Amino acid sequence: MKCPECKGKNISKRGKRYNKSQTKQLYLCNNCNIKFVEQNGFERMRYKKENIVRAIHLHNEGLSLFQVKDHLWQHDGVKVSRETIREWCNKYSLFLK
């Protein structure tokens, strides 16, 4: 792992960052004193990445946006709009191809 700012490899762990959807390891660059977290492609998402991946998978399998929304609500208790699912599909479908 490298520092996103100075690209140095002299980093150390500095606690964890918590939010509703996940916990991430915080790192500190010992060269430039920048705190950062490792990027995983799901930055600034309000929902758990497992739910996002499941929604995209269900939609790619042929379910409509309404059916995906209904499935997430019934099986996982996740309340999400069809528009949000559509935006997830547009954003992450590039990575699946």
PDB file of N, CA and C in Angstrom:
ATOM      1  N   MET A   1       0.835  -1.173   0.000  1.00  0.00           N
ATOM      2  CA  MET A   1       0.000   0.000   0.000  1.00  0.00           C
ATOM      3  C   MET A   1       0.883   1.241   0.000  1.00  0.00           C
ATOM      4  N   LYS A   2       0.422   2.263  -0.719  1.00  0.00           N
ATOM      5  CA  LYS A   2       1.168   3.511  -0.824  1.00  0.00           C
ATOM      6  C   LYS A   2       0.303   4.679  -0.382  1.00  0.00           C
ATOM      7  N   CYS A   3       0.946   5.738   0.063  1.00  0.00           N
ATOM      8  CA  CYS A   3       0.259   6.970   0.422  1.00  0.00           C
ATOM      9  C   CYS A   3      -0.313   7.600  -0.850  1.00  0.00           C
ATOM     10  N   PRO A   4      -1.583   8.001  -0.847  1.00  0.00           N
ATOM     11  CA  PRO A   4      -2.157   8.611  -2.053  1.00  0.00           C
ATOM     12  C   PRO A   4      -1.573   9.984  -2.347  1.00  0.00           C
ATOM     13  N   GLU A   5      -0.967  10.620  -1.360  1.00  0.00           N
ATOM     14  CA  GLU A   5      -0.434  11.964  -1.537  1.00  0.00           C
ATOM     15  C   GLU A   5       1.005  11.946  -2.058  1.00  0.00           C
ATOM     16  N   CYS A   6       1.919  11.309  -1.298  1.00  0.00           N
ATOM     17  CA  CYS A   6       3.350  11.347  -1.654  1.00  0.00           C
ATOM     18  C   CYS A   6       3.844  10.036  -2.265  1.00  0.00           C
ATOM     19  N   LYS A   7       2.977   9.030  -2.354  1.00  0.00           N
ATOM     20  CA  LYS A   7       3.303   7.708  -2.917  1.00  0.00           C
ATOM     21  C   LYS A   7       4.355   6.952  -2.112  1.00  0.00           C
ATOM     22  N   GLY A   8       4.582   7.378  -0.860  1.00  0.00           N
ATOM     23  CA  GLY A   8       5.543   6.698   0.001  1.00  0.00           C
ATOM     24  C   GLY A   8       4.970   5.416   0.581  1.00  0.00           C
ATOM     25  N   LYS A   9       5.852   4.507   0.960  1.00  0.00           N
ATOM     26  CA  LYS A   9       5.437   3.226   1.534  1.00  0.00           C
ATOM     27  C   LYS A   9       5.625   3.171   3.047  1.00  0.00           C
ATOM     28  N   ASN A  10       6.072   4.258   3.652  1.00  0.00           N
ATOM     29  CA  ASN A  10       6.316   4.321   5.091  1.00  0.00           C
ATOM     30  C   ASN A  10       5.016   4.723   5.789  1.00  0.00           C
ATOM     31  N   ILE A  11       4.102   3.738   5.958  1.00  0.00           N
ATOM     32  CA  ILE A  11       2.797   4.022   6.554  1.00  0.00           C
ATOM     33  C   ILE A  11       2.577   3.144   7.780  1.00  0.00           C
ATOM     34  N   SER A  12       1.662   3.593   8.644  1.00  0.00           N
ATOM     35  CA  SER A  12       1.319   2.812   9.836  1.00  0.00           C
ATOM     36  C   SER A  12      -0.182   2.912  10.081  1.00  0.00           C
ATOM     37  N   LYS A  13      -0.716   1.931  10.797  1.00  0.00           N
ATOM     38  CA  LYS A  13      -2.135   1.918  11.126  1.00  0.00           C
ATOM     39  C   LYS A  13      -2.407   2.957  12.205  1.00  0.00           C
ATOM     40  N   ARG A  14      -3.544   3.646  12.083  1.00  0.00           N
ATOM     41  CA  ARG A  14      -3.912   4.689  13.041  1.00  0.00           C
ATOM     42  C   ARG A  14      -5.387   4.616  13.416  1.00  0.00           C
ATOM     43  N   GLY A  15      -5.837   3.462  13.860  1.00  0.00           N
ATOM     44  CA  GLY A  15      -7.216   3.329  14.321  1.00  0.00           C
ATOM     45  C   GLY A  15      -8.157   2.922  13.200  1.00  0.00           C
ATOM     46  N   LYS A  16      -9.444   3.130  13.453  1.00  0.00           N
ATOM     47  CA  LYS A  16     -10.459   2.747  12.477  1.00  0.00           C
ATOM     48  C   LYS A  16     -11.455   3.871  12.307  1.00  0.00           C
ATOM     49  N   ARG A  17     -12.099   3.897  11.141  1.00  0.00           N
ATOM     50  CA  ARG A  17     -13.148   4.857  10.850  1.00  0.00           C
ATOM     51  C   ARG A  17     -14.457   4.088  10.797  1.00  0.00           C
ATOM     52  N   TYR A  18     -15.442   4.548  11.524  1.00  0.00           N
ATOM     53  CA  TYR A  18     -16.723   3.854  11.612  1.00  0.00           C
ATOM     54  C   TYR A  18     -17.818   4.694  10.969  1.00  0.00           C
ATOM     55  N   ASN A  19     -18.743   4.013  10.267  1.00  0.00           N
ATOM     56  CA  ASN A  19     -19.995   4.629   9.843  1.00  0.00           C
ATOM     57  C   ASN A  19     -21.067   3.542   9.817  1.00  0.00           C
ATOM     58  N   LYS A  20     -22.262   3.883   9.372  1.00  0.00           N
ATOM     59  CA  LYS A  20     -23.365   2.929   9.428  1.00  0.00           C
ATOM     60  C   LYS A  20     -23.119   1.680   8.597  1.00  0.00           C
ATOM     61  N   SER A  21     -22.489   1.834   7.459  1.00  0.00           N
ATOM     62  CA  SER A  21     -22.395   0.706   6.541  1.00  0.00           C
ATOM     63  C   SER A  21     -21.141  -0.139   6.698  1.00  0.00           C
ATOM     64  N   GLN A  22     -20.055   0.436   7.216  1.00  0.00           N
ATOM     65  CA  GLN A  22     -18.831  -0.357   7.304  1.00  0.00           C
ATOM     66  C   GLN A  22     -17.801   0.290   8.226  1.00  0.00           C
ATOM     67  N   THR A  23     -16.799  -0.486   8.566  1.00  0.00           N
ATOM     68  CA  THR A  23     -15.658  -0.017   9.341  1.00  0.00           C
ATOM     69  C   THR A  23     -14.425  -0.145   8.459  1.00  0.00           C
ATOM     70  N   LYS A  24     -13.615   0.913   8.431  1.00  0.00           N
ATOM     71  CA  LYS A  24     -12.415   0.891   7.599  1.00  0.00           C
ATOM     72  C   LYS A  24     -11.192   1.217   8.438  1.00  0.00           C
ATOM     73  N   GLN A  25     -10.077   0.622   8.053  1.00  0.00           N
ATOM     74  CA  GLN A  25      -8.797   0.864   8.711  1.00  0.00           C
ATOM     75  C   GLN A  25      -8.252   2.223   8.289  1.00  0.00           C
ATOM     76  N   LEU A  26      -7.861   3.049   9.261  1.00  0.00           N
ATOM     77  CA  LEU A  26      -7.208   4.322   8.985  1.00  0.00           C
ATOM     78  C   LEU A  26      -5.698   4.111   8.956  1.00  0.00           C
ATOM     79  N   TYR A  27      -5.035   4.795   8.060  1.00  0.00           N
ATOM     80  CA  TYR A  27      -3.577   4.727   7.943  1.00  0.00           C
ATOM     81  C   TYR A  27      -2.994   6.129   8.043  1.00  0.00           C
ATOM     82  N   LEU A  28      -1.744   6.195   8.471  1.00  0.00           N
ATOM     83  CA  LEU A  28      -1.019   7.457   8.558  1.00  0.00           C
ATOM     84  C   LEU A  28       0.283   7.323   7.792  1.00  0.00           C
ATOM     85  N   CYS A  29       0.529   8.260   6.906  1.00  0.00           N
ATOM     86  CA  CYS A  29       1.804   8.296   6.186  1.00  0.00           C
ATOM     87  C   CYS A  29       2.823   8.970   7.092  1.00  0.00           C
ATOM     88  N   ASN A  30       3.899   8.284   7.379  1.00  0.00           N
ATOM     89  CA  ASN A  30       4.925   8.832   8.261  1.00  0.00           C
ATOM     90  C   ASN A  30       5.807   9.863   7.561  1.00  0.00           C
ATOM     91  N   ASN A  31       5.719   9.950   6.242  1.00  0.00           N
ATOM     92  CA  ASN A  31       6.494  10.945   5.500  1.00  0.00           C
ATOM     93  C   ASN A  31       5.804  12.303   5.475  1.00  0.00           C
ATOM     94  N   CYS A  32       4.497  12.309   5.120  1.00  0.00           N
ATOM     95  CA  CYS A  32       3.787  13.580   4.945  1.00  0.00           C
ATOM     96  C   CYS A  32       2.681  13.801   5.976  1.00  0.00           C
ATOM     97  N   ASN A  33       2.523  12.891   6.943  1.00  0.00           N
ATOM     98  CA  ASN A  33       1.534  12.999   8.025  1.00  0.00           C
ATOM     99  C   ASN A  33       0.091  13.145   7.526  1.00  0.00           C
ATOM    100  N   ILE A  34      -0.252  12.436   6.467  1.00  0.00           N
ATOM    101  CA  ILE A  34      -1.608  12.432   5.937  1.00  0.00           C
ATOM    102  C   ILE A  34      -2.319  11.180   6.411  1.00  0.00           C
ATOM    103  N   LYS A  35      -3.546  11.337   6.932  1.00  0.00           N
ATOM    104  CA  LYS A  35      -4.363  10.180   7.274  1.00  0.00           C
ATOM    105  C   LYS A  35      -5.212   9.819   6.072  1.00  0.00           C
ATOM    106  N   PHE A  36      -5.366   8.512   5.825  1.00  0.00           N
ATOM    107  CA  PHE A  36      -6.163   8.069   4.694  1.00  0.00           C
ATOM    108  C   PHE A  36      -6.680   6.664   4.948  1.00  0.00           C
ATOM    109  N   VAL A  37      -7.664   6.259   4.146  1.00  0.00           N
ATOM    110  CA  VAL A  37      -8.185   4.892   4.177  1.00  0.00           C
ATOM    111  C   VAL A  37      -7.931   4.266   2.812  1.00  0.00           C
ATOM    112  N   GLU A  38      -7.851   2.960   2.786  1.00  0.00           N
ATOM    113  CA  GLU A  38      -7.638   2.253   1.528  1.00  0.00           C
ATOM    114  C   GLU A  38      -8.901   2.346   0.671  1.00  0.00           C
ATOM    115  N   GLN A  39      -8.736   2.658  -0.585  1.00  0.00           N
ATOM    116  CA  GLN A  39      -9.864   2.804  -1.505  1.00  0.00           C
ATOM    117  C   GLN A  39     -10.333   1.436  -1.981  1.00  0.00           C
ATOM    118  N   ASN A  40     -11.671   1.227  -2.009  1.00  0.00           N
ATOM    119  CA  ASN A  40     -12.197  -0.056  -2.466  1.00  0.00           C
ATOM    120  C   ASN A  40     -13.273   0.081  -3.539  1.00  0.00           C
ATOM    121  N   GLY A  41     -13.536   1.294  -4.017  1.00  0.00           N
ATOM    122  CA  GLY A  41     -14.538   1.499  -5.055  1.00  0.00           C
ATOM    123  C   GLY A  41     -15.925   1.805  -4.525  1.00  0.00           C
ATOM    124  N   PHE A  42     -16.133   1.706  -3.229  1.00  0.00           N
ATOM    125  CA  PHE A  42     -17.440   1.971  -2.643  1.00  0.00           C
ATOM    126  C   PHE A  42     -17.385   3.182  -1.704  1.00  0.00           C
ATOM    127  N   GLU A  43     -16.574   4.177  -2.051  1.00  0.00           N
ATOM    128  CA  GLU A  43     -16.453   5.364  -1.226  1.00  0.00           C
ATOM    129  C   GLU A  43     -17.735   6.189  -1.330  1.00  0.00           C
ATOM    130  N   ARG A  44     -18.097   6.804  -0.229  1.00  0.00           N
ATOM    131  CA  ARG A  44     -19.244   7.703  -0.142  1.00  0.00           C
ATOM    132  C   ARG A  44     -20.574   7.016  -0.446  1.00  0.00           C
ATOM    133  N   MET A  45     -20.668   5.731  -0.137  1.00  0.00           N
ATOM    134  CA  MET A  45     -21.914   4.983  -0.320  1.00  0.00           C
ATOM    135  C   MET A  45     -22.616   4.841   1.023  1.00  0.00           C
ATOM    136  N   ARG A  46     -23.926   5.011   1.009  1.00  0.00           N
ATOM    137  CA  ARG A  46     -24.704   4.922   2.246  1.00  0.00           C
ATOM    138  C   ARG A  46     -25.108   3.499   2.583  1.00  0.00           C
ATOM    139  N   TYR A  47     -25.039   2.616   1.617  1.00  0.00           N
ATOM    140  CA  TYR A  47     -25.468   1.231   1.815  1.00  0.00           C
ATOM    141  C   TYR A  47     -24.252   0.316   1.830  1.00  0.00           C
ATOM    142  N   LYS A  48     -24.416  -0.838   2.434  1.00  0.00           N
ATOM    143  CA  LYS A  48     -23.328  -1.812   2.484  1.00  0.00           C
ATOM    144  C   LYS A  48     -23.014  -2.298   1.082  1.00  0.00           C
ATOM    145  N   LYS A  49     -21.736  -2.561   0.840  1.00  0.00           N
ATOM    146  CA  LYS A  49     -21.334  -2.980  -0.504  1.00  0.00           C
ATOM    147  C   LYS A  49     -21.958  -4.310  -0.886  1.00  0.00           C
ATOM    148  N   GLU A  50     -22.246  -5.168   0.095  1.00  0.00           N
ATOM    149  CA  GLU A  50     -22.896  -6.447  -0.203  1.00  0.00           C
ATOM    150  C   GLU A  50     -24.284  -6.227  -0.799  1.00  0.00           C
ATOM    151  N   ASN A  51     -25.015  -5.245  -0.267  1.00  0.00           N
ATOM    152  CA  ASN A  51     -26.344  -4.939  -0.795  1.00  0.00           C
ATOM    153  C   ASN A  51     -26.270  -4.330  -2.192  1.00  0.00           C
ATOM    154  N   ILE A  52     -25.282  -3.501  -2.422  1.00  0.00           N
ATOM    155  CA  ILE A  52     -25.108  -2.889  -3.743  1.00  0.00           C
ATOM    156  C   ILE A  52     -24.789  -3.963  -4.775  1.00  0.00           C
ATOM    157  N   VAL A  53     -23.862  -4.857  -4.436  1.00  0.00           N
ATOM    158  CA  VAL A  53     -23.470  -5.924  -5.361  1.00  0.00           C
ATOM    159  C   VAL A  53     -24.653  -6.852  -5.627  1.00  0.00           C
ATOM    160  N   ARG A  54     -25.423  -7.172  -4.592  1.00  0.00           N
ATOM    161  CA  ARG A  54     -26.594  -8.040  -4.775  1.00  0.00           C
ATOM    162  C   ARG A  54     -27.621  -7.386  -5.690  1.00  0.00           C
ATOM    163  N   ALA A  55     -27.859  -6.094  -5.512  1.00  0.00           N
ATOM    164  CA  ALA A  55     -28.830  -5.384  -6.353  1.00  0.00           C
ATOM    165  C   ALA A  55     -28.393  -5.392  -7.814  1.00  0.00           C
ATOM    166  N   ILE A  56     -27.133  -5.134  -8.065  1.00  0.00           N
ATOM    167  CA  ILE A  56     -26.624  -5.134  -9.441  1.00  0.00           C
ATOM    168  C   ILE A  56     -26.718  -6.530 -10.036  1.00  0.00           C
ATOM    169  N   HIS A  57     -26.364  -7.539  -9.254  1.00  0.00           N
ATOM    170  CA  HIS A  57     -26.423  -8.920  -9.734  1.00  0.00           C
ATOM    171  C   HIS A  57     -27.859  -9.309 -10.096  1.00  0.00           C
ATOM    172  N   LEU A  58     -28.809  -8.992  -9.226  1.00  0.00           N
ATOM    173  CA  LEU A  58     -30.205  -9.329  -9.497  1.00  0.00           C
ATOM    174  C   LEU A  58     -30.712  -8.623 -10.754  1.00  0.00           C
ATOM    175  N   HIS A  59     -30.340  -7.367 -10.915  1.00  0.00           N
ATOM    176  CA  HIS A  59     -30.780  -6.627 -12.098  1.00  0.00           C
ATOM    177  C   HIS A  59     -30.143  -7.207 -13.367  1.00  0.00           C
ATOM    178  N   ASN A  60     -28.884  -7.587 -13.303  1.00  0.00           N
ATOM    179  CA  ASN A  60     -28.221  -8.187 -14.468  1.00  0.00           C
ATOM    180  C   ASN A  60     -28.767  -9.570 -14.790  1.00  0.00           C
ATOM    181  N   GLU A  61     -29.352 -10.239 -13.794  1.00  0.00           N
ATOM    182  CA  GLU A  61     -29.969 -11.550 -14.016  1.00  0.00           C
ATOM    183  C   GLU A  61     -31.345 -11.439 -14.671  1.00  0.00           C
ATOM    184  N   GLY A  62     -31.850 -10.216 -14.823  1.00  0.00           N
ATOM    185  CA  GLY A  62     -33.104 -10.029 -15.543  1.00  0.00           C
ATOM    186  C   GLY A  62     -34.256  -9.487 -14.723  1.00  0.00           C
ATOM    187  N   LEU A  63     -34.074  -9.266 -13.424  1.00  0.00           N
ATOM    188  CA  LEU A  63     -35.137  -8.697 -12.617  1.00  0.00           C
ATOM    189  C   LEU A  63     -35.271  -7.205 -12.916  1.00  0.00           C
ATOM    190  N   SER A  64     -36.501  -6.719 -12.852  1.00  0.00           N
ATOM    191  CA  SER A  64     -36.731  -5.290 -13.069  1.00  0.00           C
ATOM    192  C   SER A  64     -36.257  -4.517 -11.841  1.00  0.00           C
ATOM    193  N   LEU A  65     -36.154  -3.208 -11.982  1.00  0.00           N
ATOM    194  CA  LEU A  65     -35.730  -2.383 -10.853  1.00  0.00           C
ATOM    195  C   LEU A  65     -36.719  -2.496  -9.698  1.00  0.00           C
ATOM    196  N   PHE A  66     -38.007  -2.583 -10.015  1.00  0.00           N
ATOM    197  CA  PHE A  66     -39.015  -2.736  -8.973  1.00  0.00           C
ATOM    198  C   PHE A  66     -38.857  -4.080  -8.259  1.00  0.00           C
ATOM    199  N   GLN A  67     -38.589  -5.135  -9.014  1.00  0.00           N
ATOM    200  CA  GLN A  67     -38.409  -6.457  -8.408  1.00  0.00           C
ATOM    201  C   GLN A  67     -37.165  -6.500  -7.528  1.00  0.00           C
ATOM    202  N   VAL A  68     -36.101  -5.849  -7.966  1.00  0.00           N
ATOM    203  CA  VAL A  68     -34.873  -5.794  -7.160  1.00  0.00           C
ATOM    204  C   VAL A  68     -35.135  -5.027  -5.872  1.00  0.00           C
ATOM    205  N   LYS A  69     -35.815  -3.887  -5.996  1.00  0.00           N
ATOM    206  CA  LYS A  69     -36.161  -3.082  -4.822  1.00  0.00           C
ATOM    207  C   LYS A  69     -36.992  -3.906  -3.843  1.00  0.00           C
ATOM    208  N   ASP A  70     -37.979  -4.617  -4.354  1.00  0.00           N
ATOM    209  CA  ASP A  70     -38.847  -5.440  -3.523  1.00  0.00           C
ATOM    210  C   ASP A  70     -38.066  -6.581  -2.859  1.00  0.00           C
ATOM    211  N   HIS A  71     -37.168  -7.207  -3.599  1.00  0.00           N
ATOM    212  CA  HIS A  71     -36.358  -8.304  -3.072  1.00  0.00           C
ATOM    213  C   HIS A  71     -35.465  -7.826  -1.925  1.00  0.00           C
ATOM    214  N   LEU A  72     -34.802  -6.686  -2.119  1.00  0.00           N
ATOM    215  CA  LEU A  72     -33.928  -6.154  -1.072  1.00  0.00           C
ATOM    216  C   LEU A  72     -34.723  -5.826   0.191  1.00  0.00           C
ATOM    217  N   TRP A  73     -35.933  -5.305   0.019  1.00  0.00           N
ATOM    218  CA  TRP A  73     -36.749  -4.959   1.168  1.00  0.00           C
ATOM    219  C   TRP A  73     -37.225  -6.213   1.910  1.00  0.00           C
ATOM    220  N   GLN A  74     -37.693  -7.215   1.164  1.00  0.00           N
ATOM    221  CA  GLN A  74     -38.248  -8.410   1.781  1.00  0.00           C
ATOM    222  C   GLN A  74     -37.188  -9.306   2.415  1.00  0.00           C
ATOM    223  N   HIS A  75     -36.054  -9.461   1.767  1.00  0.00           N
ATOM    224  CA  HIS A  75     -35.051 -10.416   2.237  1.00  0.00           C
ATOM    225  C   HIS A  75     -33.981  -9.800   3.136  1.00  0.00           C
ATOM    226  N   ASP A  76     -33.663  -8.523   2.913  1.00  0.00           N
ATOM    227  CA  ASP A  76     -32.570  -7.904   3.661  1.00  0.00           C
ATOM    228  C   ASP A  76     -33.014  -6.745   4.543  1.00  0.00           C
ATOM    229  N   GLY A  77     -34.261  -6.298   4.384  1.00  0.00           N
ATOM    230  CA  GLY A  77     -34.732  -5.154   5.153  1.00  0.00           C
ATOM    231  C   GLY A  77     -34.106  -3.845   4.720  1.00  0.00           C
ATOM    232  N   VAL A  78     -33.652  -3.781   3.466  1.00  0.00           N
ATOM    233  CA  VAL A  78     -32.991  -2.587   2.938  1.00  0.00           C
ATOM    234  C   VAL A  78     -33.995  -1.820   2.096  1.00  0.00           C
ATOM    235  N   LYS A  79     -34.254  -0.584   2.489  1.00  0.00           N
ATOM    236  CA  LYS A  79     -35.189   0.257   1.757  1.00  0.00           C
ATOM    237  C   LYS A  79     -34.382   1.173   0.836  1.00  0.00           C
ATOM    238  N   VAL A  80     -34.531   0.953  -0.452  1.00  0.00           N
ATOM    239  CA  VAL A  80     -33.766   1.706  -1.445  1.00  0.00           C
ATOM    240  C   VAL A  80     -34.684   1.996  -2.627  1.00  0.00           C
ATOM    241  N   SER A  81     -34.463   3.107  -3.302  1.00  0.00           N
ATOM    242  CA  SER A  81     -35.318   3.471  -4.428  1.00  0.00           C
ATOM    243  C   SER A  81     -34.836   2.820  -5.720  1.00  0.00           C
ATOM    244  N   ARG A  82     -35.736   2.750  -6.692  1.00  0.00           N
ATOM    245  CA  ARG A  82     -35.372   2.194  -8.006  1.00  0.00           C
ATOM    246  C   ARG A  82     -34.329   3.070  -8.679  1.00  0.00           C
ATOM    247  N   GLU A  83     -34.437   4.376  -8.480  1.00  0.00           N
ATOM    248  CA  GLU A  83     -33.470   5.305  -9.078  1.00  0.00           C
ATOM    249  C   GLU A  83     -32.063   5.043  -8.546  1.00  0.00           C
ATOM    250  N   THR A  84     -31.945   4.775  -7.266  1.00  0.00           N
ATOM    251  CA  THR A  84     -30.638   4.485  -6.669  1.00  0.00           C
ATOM    252  C   THR A  84     -30.060   3.202  -7.244  1.00  0.00           C
ATOM    253  N   ILE A  85     -30.899   2.184  -7.398  1.00  0.00           N
ATOM    254  CA  ILE A  85     -30.436   0.912  -7.981  1.00  0.00           C
ATOM    255  C   ILE A  85     -29.973   1.136  -9.416  1.00  0.00           C
ATOM    256  N   ARG A  86     -30.713   1.948 -10.172  1.00  0.00           N
ATOM    257  CA  ARG A  86     -30.326   2.253 -11.555  1.00  0.00           C
ATOM    258  C   ARG A  86     -28.971   2.957 -11.597  1.00  0.00           C
ATOM    259  N   GLU A  87     -28.758   3.899 -10.677  1.00  0.00           N
ATOM    260  CA  GLU A  87     -27.477   4.615 -10.634  1.00  0.00           C
ATOM    261  C   GLU A  87     -26.327   3.673 -10.265  1.00  0.00           C
ATOM    262  N   TRP A  88     -26.586   2.738  -9.332  1.00  0.00           N
ATOM    263  CA  TRP A  88     -25.557   1.741  -9.002  1.00  0.00           C
ATOM    264  C   TRP A  88     -25.200   0.923 -10.226  1.00  0.00           C
ATOM    265  N   CYS A  89     -26.214   0.482 -10.971  1.00  0.00           N
ATOM    266  CA  CYS A  89     -25.965  -0.334 -12.167  1.00  0.00           C
ATOM    267  C   CYS A  89     -25.150   0.439 -13.190  1.00  0.00           C
ATOM    268  N   ASN A  90     -25.472   1.711 -13.387  1.00  0.00           N
ATOM    269  CA  ASN A  90     -24.720   2.526 -14.341  1.00  0.00           C
ATOM    270  C   ASN A  90     -23.282   2.739 -13.876  1.00  0.00           C
ATOM    271  N   LYS A  91     -23.095   2.963 -12.594  1.00  0.00           N
ATOM    272  CA  LYS A  91     -21.760   3.246 -12.078  1.00  0.00           C
ATOM    273  C   LYS A  91     -20.857   2.016 -12.081  1.00  0.00           C
ATOM    274  N   TYR A  92     -21.384   0.881 -11.630  1.00  0.00           N
ATOM    275  CA  TYR A  92     -20.536  -0.293 -11.430  1.00  0.00           C
ATOM    276  C   TYR A  92     -20.589  -1.291 -12.569  1.00  0.00           C
ATOM    277  N   SER A  93     -21.447  -1.102 -13.557  1.00  0.00           N
ATOM    278  CA  SER A  93     -21.497  -2.027 -14.684  1.00  0.00           C
ATOM    279  C   SER A  93     -20.234  -1.944 -15.530  1.00  0.00           C
ATOM    280  N   LEU A  94     -19.577  -0.807 -15.510  1.00  0.00           N
ATOM    281  CA  LEU A  94     -18.323  -0.653 -16.266  1.00  0.00           C
ATOM    282  C   LEU A  94     -17.268  -1.603 -15.733  1.00  0.00           C
ATOM    283  N   PHE A  95     -17.284  -1.864 -14.399  1.00  0.00           N
ATOM    284  CA  PHE A  95     -16.295  -2.732 -13.799  1.00  0.00           C
ATOM    285  C   PHE A  95     -16.579  -4.195 -14.080  1.00  0.00           C
ATOM    286  N   LEU A  96     -17.838  -4.528 -14.378  1.00  0.00           N
ATOM    287  CA  LEU A  96     -18.228  -5.915 -14.571  1.00  0.00           C
ATOM    288  C   LEU A  96     -17.954  -6.388 -15.988  1.00  0.00           C
ATOM    289  N   LYS A  97     -17.766  -5.485 -16.932  1.00  0.00           N
ATOM    290  CA  LYS A  97     -17.591  -5.870 -18.334  1.00  0.00           C
ATOM    291  C   LYS A  97     -16.164  -6.198 -18.662  1.00  0.00           C
TER     292      LYS A  97
END
